[in-house]
Amino acid sequence: MSSPTTTTGDAAPTMPPTTSTPTRRPHRAARIEDRWRDVLSRFQKSRGWRPRVEPFTGYGSERRVRVLGRVLLANPAYDPATTADRRGWRYFFTAPASREEVRVHIGDLALDVVSDRGGYLDMMVDVSLPPGWHDVTFRSAAGSVATGRVRVVADGRRLGVVSDIDDTAMVTAVPRPLLAAWNTFVRHSSARVAVPGMARLYQGIAAANPGTPFVYLSTGAWNTAANLRRFLQREGFPPGPLLLTDWGPTNTGWFRSGPAHKNDSLDRLVHELPDVDWLLVGDDGQHDPEIYARAARLHRRHVAAVAIRTLTPAQQVLSHGSPLPAPGDDARTVARVVADVPTARGGDGAALARSLATALRPYRY
């Protein structure tokens, strides 16, 4: 691949999006996975498979944006239109392409980057772009072209929304392994059900506060990004970047930590978008109250309010096997630890909207 016309920003690849700083030597599980991927990659390339880029939605300010994507090996007969509605397990049968060169174009800039061990592209790029949505073009060394988007947030104080997905926007029952596995791997993507009223709640916030950035933060796998994006669009949720994770081995262990992923992502958002006051929305079925309490303690000036969807006793049983919230995970955690952070609670979007009318009083809502 020829040298770029312009290079800027941190073009060197990082670990998969929203992961912590890697150690010097990868964990044994990661080394085993890398060897297996190398063998599989050579076999697939011998059968004519070539790299393609799956773009993820990025975000940033008028001067610096985060560009996200993943390089995968694809059959020459691959047609994205045929993958619109598949059973969930099919999204996990992907072939990451590590150490693949990709040219990225955004605005008038072009830079060459290299995918990391999981095929991920995650870079901060210095730009000069007006607020709004902008296209990002990815061209692989094999010549395939894909176009993603990045949301540029205007300078100045404004409201932003960070939303969990599982059991906040989408009915999932993630902490209940068998039920979550059925929902994630067996059901068709079009059969997923939205939490009542949540899309309307977010639409109301967006209408009352033009320019509000929405970020969807989940411990779900990047393999499901396209499926989740279609779900959010179909159900009427405002568009915004997904911040997901990689379920495979890490440089430090066999599995990634879900709470650590969310904590790291919130820290980055505060650092990279310092003018935004975040409304943090989650549920009390997992660890969202504790995660948001930590964010409020560390970044008090950047947290406008916390909204917790409270599950019913039946939903709590489906979620983690008990009719009551897990110890330390109830919605009162936020108010108890950070007493001056407005906190809204409700069982669905309509109830949260009524509670947020007071919590977001300083904003137009």
Protein backbone atom coordinates (compact mmCIF):
# COMPACT_ATOMS: atom_id res chain seq x y z
CA MET A 1 0.00 0.00 0.00
CA SER A 2 1.46 3.37 -0.98
CA SER A 3 2.25 6.06 1.56
CA PRO A 4 -0.69 8.23 2.64
CA THR A 5 -1.28 11.71 1.35
CA THR A 6 -1.65 12.91 4.94
CA THR A 7 -1.19 11.18 8.25
CA THR A 8 -2.34 12.54 11.56
CA GLY A 9 -3.23 11.52 15.08
CA ASP A 10 -2.37 8.27 16.83
CA ALA A 11 -2.38 5.99 13.85
CA ALA A 12 -0.71 3.09 15.62
CA PRO A 13 -3.27 0.39 16.45
CA THR A 14 -4.38 -0.06 20.03
CA MET A 15 -5.95 -2.95 21.87
CA PRO A 16 -9.61 -3.66 21.06
CA PRO A 17 -11.78 -0.61 21.81
CA THR A 18 -12.22 0.36 25.47
CA THR A 19 -9.68 -2.08 26.90
CA SER A 20 -7.03 -1.29 29.47
CA THR A 21 -3.32 -0.78 28.77
CA PRO A 22 -1.80 -4.12 27.68
CA THR A 23 1.00 -5.92 29.51
CA ARG A 24 4.34 -6.55 27.84
CA ARG A 25 3.71 -10.25 27.16
CA PRO A 26 0.25 -11.58 26.20
CA HIS A 27 -1.46 -14.12 28.42
CA ARG A 28 -1.04 -17.76 27.38
CA ALA A 29 -4.69 -17.90 26.30
CA ALA A 30 -4.13 -14.95 23.96
CA ARG A 31 -1.02 -16.57 22.49
CA ILE A 32 -2.92 -19.81 21.86
CA GLU A 33 -5.74 -17.85 20.23
CA ASP A 34 -3.25 -15.96 18.03
CA ARG A 35 -1.66 -19.19 16.79
CA TRP A 36 -5.07 -20.65 15.98
CA ARG A 37 -6.07 -17.49 14.12
CA ASP A 38 -2.83 -17.55 12.11
CA VAL A 39 -3.50 -21.13 10.99
CA LEU A 40 -7.12 -20.35 10.14
CA SER A 41 -6.16 -17.15 8.31
CA ARG A 42 -3.64 -18.93 6.08
CA PHE A 43 -6.21 -21.60 5.24
CA GLN A 44 -8.93 -19.09 4.41
CA LYS A 45 -6.63 -16.93 2.29
CA SER A 46 -5.59 -20.05 0.37
CA ARG A 47 -9.28 -20.49 -0.50
CA GLY A 48 -9.58 -16.96 -1.84
CA TRP A 49 -10.87 -15.13 1.23
CA ARG A 50 -9.80 -11.48 1.37
CA PRO A 51 -9.82 -8.73 4.02
CA ARG A 52 -12.85 -6.48 4.36
CA VAL A 53 -13.51 -3.77 6.93
CA GLU A 54 -16.57 -3.65 9.16
CA PRO A 55 -16.89 0.01 10.20
CA PHE A 56 -18.09 0.96 13.68
CA THR A 57 -19.53 4.37 14.51
CA GLY A 58 -16.99 6.74 16.03
CA TYR A 59 -17.25 9.96 17.99
CA GLY A 60 -15.22 13.01 18.96
CA SER A 61 -14.86 16.76 19.16
CA GLU A 62 -14.33 19.32 16.41
CA ARG A 63 -10.56 18.80 16.77
CA ARG A 64 -10.09 15.11 17.59
CA VAL A 65 -12.18 12.03 16.78
CA ARG A 66 -12.07 8.35 17.60
CA VAL A 67 -12.31 6.10 14.53
CA LEU A 68 -13.37 2.47 15.02
CA GLY A 69 -13.61 -0.59 12.82
CA ARG A 70 -12.56 -4.20 12.41
CA VAL A 71 -10.84 -6.08 9.61
CA LEU A 72 -12.31 -9.50 8.86
CA LEU A 73 -11.61 -12.13 6.23
CA ALA A 74 -14.55 -12.61 3.89
CA ASN A 75 -15.56 -15.15 1.29
CA PRO A 76 -15.51 -13.59 -2.20
CA ALA A 77 -19.24 -14.38 -2.39
CA TYR A 78 -19.97 -12.43 0.82
CA ASP A 79 -23.06 -10.24 0.52
CA PRO A 80 -23.96 -7.98 3.50
CA ALA A 81 -27.61 -7.92 2.40
CA THR A 82 -27.96 -11.62 3.22
CA THR A 83 -26.86 -11.11 6.86
CA ALA A 84 -29.60 -8.68 7.87
CA ASP A 85 -31.66 -11.17 9.89
CA ARG A 86 -29.83 -14.24 11.13
CA ARG A 87 -29.83 -16.29 14.29
CA GLY A 88 -27.48 -14.74 16.83
CA TRP A 89 -24.84 -17.48 16.81
CA ARG A 90 -24.00 -16.76 13.19
CA TYR A 91 -22.58 -13.33 14.09
CA PHE A 92 -19.84 -15.03 16.14
CA PHE A 93 -18.47 -17.05 13.22
CA THR A 94 -16.10 -14.38 11.95
CA ALA A 95 -12.46 -14.53 10.93
CA PRO A 96 -10.46 -11.57 12.30
CA ALA A 97 -7.63 -10.37 10.07
CA SER A 98 -4.68 -9.22 12.18
CA ARG A 99 -1.83 -7.02 10.99
CA GLU A 100 -3.71 -5.93 7.88
CA GLU A 101 -3.02 -2.49 6.37
CA VAL A 102 -6.01 -0.19 5.91
CA ARG A 103 -6.16 3.33 4.52
CA VAL A 104 -8.61 5.57 6.35
CA HIS A 105 -10.09 8.76 4.87
CA ILE A 106 -11.96 11.30 6.98
CA GLY A 107 -12.61 14.82 5.72
CA ASP A 108 -9.51 15.91 3.81
CA LEU A 109 -7.23 13.56 5.74
CA ALA A 110 -5.86 10.13 4.89
CA LEU A 111 -3.79 7.81 7.03
CA ASP A 112 -2.54 4.25 6.91
CA VAL A 113 -3.17 2.03 9.92
CA VAL A 114 -2.66 -1.63 10.80
CA SER A 115 -5.21 -3.87 12.51
CA ASP A 116 -4.29 -5.34 15.89
CA ARG A 117 -4.29 -9.00 16.95
CA GLY A 118 -8.10 -9.14 16.94
CA GLY A 119 -8.45 -7.29 13.64
CA TYR A 120 -9.54 -4.07 15.41
CA LEU A 121 -8.89 -0.52 14.29
CA ASP A 122 -9.09 2.02 17.10
CA MET A 123 -7.35 5.36 16.67
CA MET A 124 -7.58 9.00 17.72
CA VAL A 125 -7.23 11.36 14.77
CA ASP A 126 -6.58 15.11 14.82
CA VAL A 127 -9.16 16.79 12.59
CA SER A 128 -10.89 20.08 11.86
CA LEU A 129 -14.53 19.17 11.32
CA PRO A 130 -17.83 20.95 11.98
CA PRO A 131 -20.36 19.40 14.38
CA GLY A 132 -22.57 16.64 13.03
CA TRP A 133 -22.17 13.35 11.20
CA HIS A 134 -19.22 12.67 8.89
CA ASP A 135 -18.30 9.74 6.67
CA VAL A 136 -15.19 7.67 7.27
CA THR A 137 -13.94 5.55 4.36
CA PHE A 138 -11.89 2.38 4.95
CA ARG A 139 -9.96 0.79 2.07
CA SER A 140 -8.28 -2.55 2.73
CA ALA A 141 -5.04 -3.64 1.08
CA ALA A 142 -7.12 -6.03 -1.02
CA GLY A 143 -9.10 -3.10 -2.43
CA SER A 144 -12.44 -3.52 -0.65
CA VAL A 145 -14.06 -0.25 0.47
CA ALA A 146 -16.43 0.35 3.37
CA THR A 147 -17.92 3.55 4.73
CA GLY A 148 -18.64 4.25 8.38
CA ARG A 149 -19.63 7.36 10.32
CA VAL A 150 -18.31 9.50 13.13
CA ARG A 151 -20.33 11.87 15.32
CA VAL A 152 -18.61 15.20 15.95
CA VAL A 153 -19.96 16.91 19.07
CA ALA A 154 -20.06 20.72 19.09
CA ASP A 155 -18.00 22.68 21.57
CA GLY A 156 -19.78 24.16 24.60
CA ARG A 157 -21.65 22.68 27.55
CA ARG A 158 -24.40 20.31 26.54
CA LEU A 159 -26.25 17.21 27.68
CA GLY A 160 -25.17 13.76 26.51
CA VAL A 161 -26.64 10.30 27.11
CA VAL A 162 -24.77 7.09 27.88
CA SER A 163 -27.16 4.15 27.71
CA ASP A 164 -26.71 0.54 28.61
CA ILE A 165 -28.33 -1.84 26.09
CA ASP A 166 -29.09 -5.16 27.80
CA ASP A 167 -32.29 -4.87 29.86
CA THR A 168 -32.18 -1.08 29.46
CA ALA A 169 -32.89 -0.64 25.75
CA MET A 170 -33.37 -4.31 24.82
CA VAL A 171 -34.94 -7.12 26.84
CA THR A 172 -32.05 -9.56 27.27
CA ALA A 173 -31.80 -11.01 30.83
CA VAL A 174 -28.01 -11.06 30.46
CA PRO A 175 -27.04 -12.23 33.98
CA ARG A 176 -29.17 -15.37 33.57
CA PRO A 177 -26.80 -17.49 31.45
CA LEU A 178 -29.22 -19.93 29.80
CA LEU A 179 -31.85 -17.30 29.02
CA ALA A 180 -29.22 -14.84 27.82
CA ALA A 181 -27.68 -17.52 25.62
CA TRP A 182 -31.06 -18.27 24.07
CA ASN A 183 -31.73 -14.58 23.40
CA THR A 184 -28.23 -13.94 22.05
CA PHE A 185 -27.45 -17.07 20.06
CA VAL A 186 -30.75 -18.67 19.01
CA ARG A 187 -33.34 -15.97 18.37
CA HIS A 188 -33.40 -14.11 15.07
CA SER A 189 -32.26 -10.50 15.31
CA SER A 190 -35.68 -9.25 14.23
CA ALA A 191 -37.30 -11.04 17.20
CA ARG A 192 -35.53 -8.93 19.83
CA VAL A 193 -37.88 -6.80 21.97
CA ALA A 194 -37.30 -3.24 23.14
CA VAL A 195 -37.88 -2.12 26.74
CA PRO A 196 -41.22 -0.22 26.61
CA GLY A 197 -40.93 3.55 26.37
CA MET A 198 -37.15 3.82 26.24
CA ALA A 199 -36.92 4.90 22.60
CA ARG A 200 -39.60 7.55 23.17
CA LEU A 201 -37.72 8.78 26.27
CA TYR A 202 -34.51 9.22 24.27
CA GLN A 203 -36.38 10.85 21.39
CA GLY A 204 -37.83 13.37 23.84
CA ILE A 205 -34.39 14.18 25.25
CA ALA A 206 -32.96 14.62 21.74
CA ALA A 207 -35.84 16.87 20.67
CA ALA A 208 -35.55 19.07 23.77
CA ASN A 209 -31.75 19.28 23.58
CA PRO A 210 -30.61 19.50 19.93
CA GLY A 211 -27.09 18.24 19.43
CA THR A 212 -27.25 15.74 22.28
CA PRO A 213 -24.78 12.88 21.65
CA PHE A 214 -26.03 9.36 22.42
CA VAL A 215 -23.56 6.58 23.23
CA TYR A 216 -24.66 2.96 23.72
CA LEU A 217 -22.34 1.20 26.18
CA SER A 218 -22.58 -2.57 26.62
CA THR A 219 -20.54 -5.60 27.60
CA GLY A 220 -21.83 -7.31 24.45
CA ALA A 221 -19.40 -8.52 21.79
CA TRP A 222 -18.33 -6.43 18.80
CA ASN A 223 -19.49 -9.36 16.65
CA THR A 224 -23.07 -8.24 17.33
CA ALA A 225 -22.54 -4.56 16.45
CA ALA A 226 -24.36 -4.66 13.11
CA ASN A 227 -27.27 -6.55 14.68
CA LEU A 228 -27.54 -4.07 17.57
CA ARG A 229 -27.31 -1.11 15.22
CA ARG A 230 -30.23 -2.45 13.16
CA PHE A 231 -32.24 -3.09 16.34
CA LEU A 232 -31.73 0.45 17.64
CA GLN A 233 -32.64 1.93 14.27
CA ARG A 234 -35.72 -0.26 13.87
CA GLU A 235 -37.01 0.63 17.34
CA GLY A 236 -36.48 4.38 16.87
CA PHE A 237 -33.54 4.99 19.22
CA PRO A 238 -31.43 8.05 18.34
CA PRO A 239 -28.29 7.07 16.40
CA GLY A 240 -24.97 6.98 18.20
CA PRO A 241 -21.77 4.99 18.57
CA LEU A 242 -21.74 1.55 20.15
CA LEU A 243 -18.97 0.83 22.66
CA LEU A 244 -18.77 -2.96 22.92
CA THR A 245 -16.01 -5.40 23.84
CA ASP A 246 -14.20 -8.51 22.65
CA TRP A 247 -15.25 -11.72 24.39
CA GLY A 248 -11.95 -13.49 23.66
CA PRO A 249 -8.81 -13.84 25.81
CA THR A 250 -6.93 -10.69 26.79
CA ASN A 251 -3.29 -9.86 27.38
CA THR A 252 -3.92 -10.50 31.08
CA GLY A 253 -6.38 -13.39 31.30
CA TRP A 254 -8.95 -15.70 29.77
CA PHE A 255 -11.85 -13.24 29.84
CA ARG A 256 -12.47 -9.49 29.86
CA SER A 257 -14.10 -7.73 32.79
CA GLY A 258 -17.49 -6.22 31.94
CA PRO A 259 -17.41 -3.60 34.72
CA ALA A 260 -13.82 -2.65 33.82
CA HIS A 261 -14.86 -2.19 30.20
CA LYS A 262 -17.67 0.16 31.22
CA ASN A 263 -15.50 2.05 33.70
CA ASP A 264 -12.76 2.57 31.10
CA SER A 265 -15.28 3.68 28.48
CA LEU A 266 -16.87 6.26 30.80
CA ASP A 267 -13.45 7.60 31.77
CA ARG A 268 -12.54 8.01 28.09
CA LEU A 269 -15.78 9.78 27.25
CA VAL A 270 -15.24 12.30 30.04
CA HIS A 271 -11.66 12.89 28.90
CA GLU A 272 -12.38 13.07 25.16
CA LEU A 273 -15.63 15.08 25.39
CA PRO A 274 -15.01 17.34 28.42
CA ASP A 275 -17.84 19.77 27.57
CA VAL A 276 -20.56 17.11 27.84
CA ASP A 277 -22.68 16.57 30.97
CA TRP A 278 -23.67 12.91 30.83
CA LEU A 279 -26.99 11.36 31.75
CA LEU A 280 -26.09 7.76 32.64
CA VAL A 281 -28.91 5.27 31.97
CA GLY A 282 -28.86 1.62 33.05
CA ASP A 283 -30.76 -1.00 35.04
CA ASP A 284 -30.50 -2.68 38.42
CA GLY A 285 -30.19 -6.21 37.03
CA GLN A 286 -26.37 -6.10 36.93
CA HIS A 287 -23.72 -3.62 38.05
CA ASP A 288 -24.85 -0.37 36.42
CA PRO A 289 -25.69 1.44 39.70
CA GLU A 290 -22.24 0.74 41.11
CA ILE A 291 -20.50 1.64 37.85
CA TYR A 292 -22.41 4.90 37.57
CA ALA A 293 -21.79 5.72 41.24
CA ARG A 294 -18.07 5.38 40.59
CA ALA A 295 -18.32 7.66 37.55
CA ALA A 296 -20.22 10.26 39.57
CA ARG A 297 -17.63 10.18 42.35
CA LEU A 298 -14.69 10.55 39.96
CA HIS A 299 -16.29 12.91 37.44
CA ARG A 300 -18.92 14.80 39.42
CA ARG A 301 -18.81 17.89 37.17
CA HIS A 302 -19.46 15.73 34.12
CA VAL A 303 -22.43 13.67 35.37
CA ALA A 304 -25.77 15.47 34.98
CA ALA A 305 -27.94 12.67 36.39
CA VAL A 306 -28.30 8.90 36.71
CA ALA A 307 -31.39 7.00 35.55
CA ILE A 308 -31.89 3.41 36.68
CA ARG A 309 -34.54 1.14 35.21
CA THR A 310 -35.82 -0.90 38.15
CA LEU A 311 -36.73 -4.47 37.27
CA THR A 312 -39.86 -6.08 38.66
CA PRO A 313 -39.48 -9.03 41.08
CA ALA A 314 -40.23 -11.41 38.21
CA GLN A 315 -37.64 -9.71 36.01
CA GLN A 316 -35.13 -9.82 38.86
CA VAL A 317 -35.65 -13.58 39.11
CA LEU A 318 -35.06 -13.96 35.37
CA SER A 319 -32.07 -11.65 35.62
CA HIS A 320 -30.11 -13.16 38.52
CA GLY A 321 -32.31 -15.73 40.25
CA SER A 322 -33.54 -13.57 43.13
CA PRO A 323 -36.71 -11.45 43.51
CA LEU A 324 -34.56 -8.63 44.98
CA PRO A 325 -31.64 -6.69 43.48
CA ALA A 326 -28.25 -8.24 44.08
CA PRO A 327 -26.43 -6.87 47.17
CA GLY A 328 -24.83 -3.53 46.34
CA ASP A 329 -26.53 -3.36 42.93
CA ASP A 330 -29.82 -1.71 43.89
CA ALA A 331 -30.82 1.67 42.53
CA ARG A 332 -30.23 3.31 45.92
CA THR A 333 -26.48 2.78 45.55
CA VAL A 334 -26.01 5.92 43.45
CA ALA A 335 -27.94 8.19 45.81
CA ARG A 336 -26.21 6.73 48.85
CA VAL A 337 -22.65 7.12 47.51
CA VAL A 338 -23.11 10.40 45.64
CA ALA A 339 -25.89 12.24 47.41
CA ASP A 340 -25.82 15.36 45.22
CA VAL A 341 -26.27 13.54 41.89
CA PRO A 342 -29.90 13.67 40.68
CA THR A 343 -31.16 10.09 40.38
CA ALA A 344 -34.25 8.92 38.51
CA ARG A 345 -35.87 5.48 38.83
CA GLY A 346 -38.65 3.72 37.00
CA GLY A 347 -39.71 0.41 35.55
CA ASP A 348 -39.88 1.58 31.94
CA GLY A 349 -39.26 4.60 29.74
CA ALA A 350 -42.48 6.38 30.70
CA ALA A 351 -41.76 6.11 34.43
CA LEU A 352 -38.18 7.26 33.93
CA ALA A 353 -39.40 10.22 31.87
CA ARG A 354 -41.59 11.38 34.75
CA SER A 355 -38.73 11.05 37.22
CA LEU A 356 -36.22 12.73 34.90
CA ALA A 357 -38.46 15.76 34.52
CA THR A 358 -37.13 16.80 37.92
CA ALA A 359 -33.61 15.35 37.67
CA LEU A 360 -32.94 17.17 34.38
CA ARG A 361 -34.60 20.44 35.33
CA PRO A 362 -31.45 22.49 34.54
CA TYR A 363 -31.70 21.21 30.96
CA ARG A 364 -34.52 21.58 28.46
CA TYR A 365 -36.63 18.53 29.18
